[in-house]
Amino acid sequence: MDAAGPRWEGGLLAPGDPAPVLQRRADSASPILLVCDHAGRRVPSRCHLGVAEQDLCRHIAWDLGASAVAERLSDALDAELIAQRYSRLVIDCNRPPHEPDAMPPRVDGTAVPGNAAVTPADAAARVAEVFMPYHAAIGASLDRRAARGERTVLVAVHSFTPLHRDYPGARPWPVTFLYNRLPALSETLAHISQARGVMAGLNVPYVVDDRGDYTIPVHAERRGLPSTLVEMRQDTLADDAGVAAAAALLADIIPLALDRITT
């Protein structure tokens, strides 16, 4: 199901461009709300980034494998999923839009010419037509749940690269759980995973904070909702078997963790 965002003549999204927001199982009774900030690598037809197609297939443009895991997880848990289709190079929907890396002119050694000279009007259109509809959809879902008096847990699904200059070899964790002010769910998920022999990380290779993140601080922490940002190593998601295994693990341990933090 598509959630249509605002469009207007001369704006960013042309009539043939898909809506930025994809929603699945919006009527689910599950307390779990899944979100995927970097689900897609699309570029609006009126947005000219100046990067090669091969770069749009890299992590600089989207979270490889994250949307596939999120969709399987949505089915397995009968949980609502809200995902964002456009590339993080257009606008990073997990960054405050005023931050410089929300529309980065250079990422991981790759220049993004269309972001080096983005005008205020162009930046405003990216915020209005991609960023805001996505976060409005998340906020609306949380408002509906609150109005019904339902307990809600926010799970953000991401992926990370196996190699990074800060580590001498491959990053060792197949899955990690990140948090900022509310650690309970992430810590419990990591402990359950580790007890099963999974080398699960906690607040690695990144951390959640107010400057570098948006979804968890704004939607979960401001409402006092249990939350976690799940990061999966991309080489473990290279094929359908890896995606299925990651989704199966999360589908198993998330309900267990929710039971533990509420009993």
Foldseek 3Di string as FASTA:
>chain_A
DADAADDDPPFQADPPDGAFKDKDLLVFPDQEEEEEQFQAADGHPNQQQPDDPVVSVDVQFGFPLQNLLRVLLCVLRVHMYMYTHHTQCLARLFADLVDQSRNDQADPRRGGPSSVDPDPRSSVRSCRRGNVSSVVVLVVSVVVCVVVVHAHEYEYTGEDEQDDPVDPGGDPAQKEKEDDPACQLRVQLCVVCVVVVGNYYYCPPHYDDRGRGDCCVPRDVVVVHHYIYMYGHNVLSPDPVSSVVVSVSCSVRNVVSVVVVVD
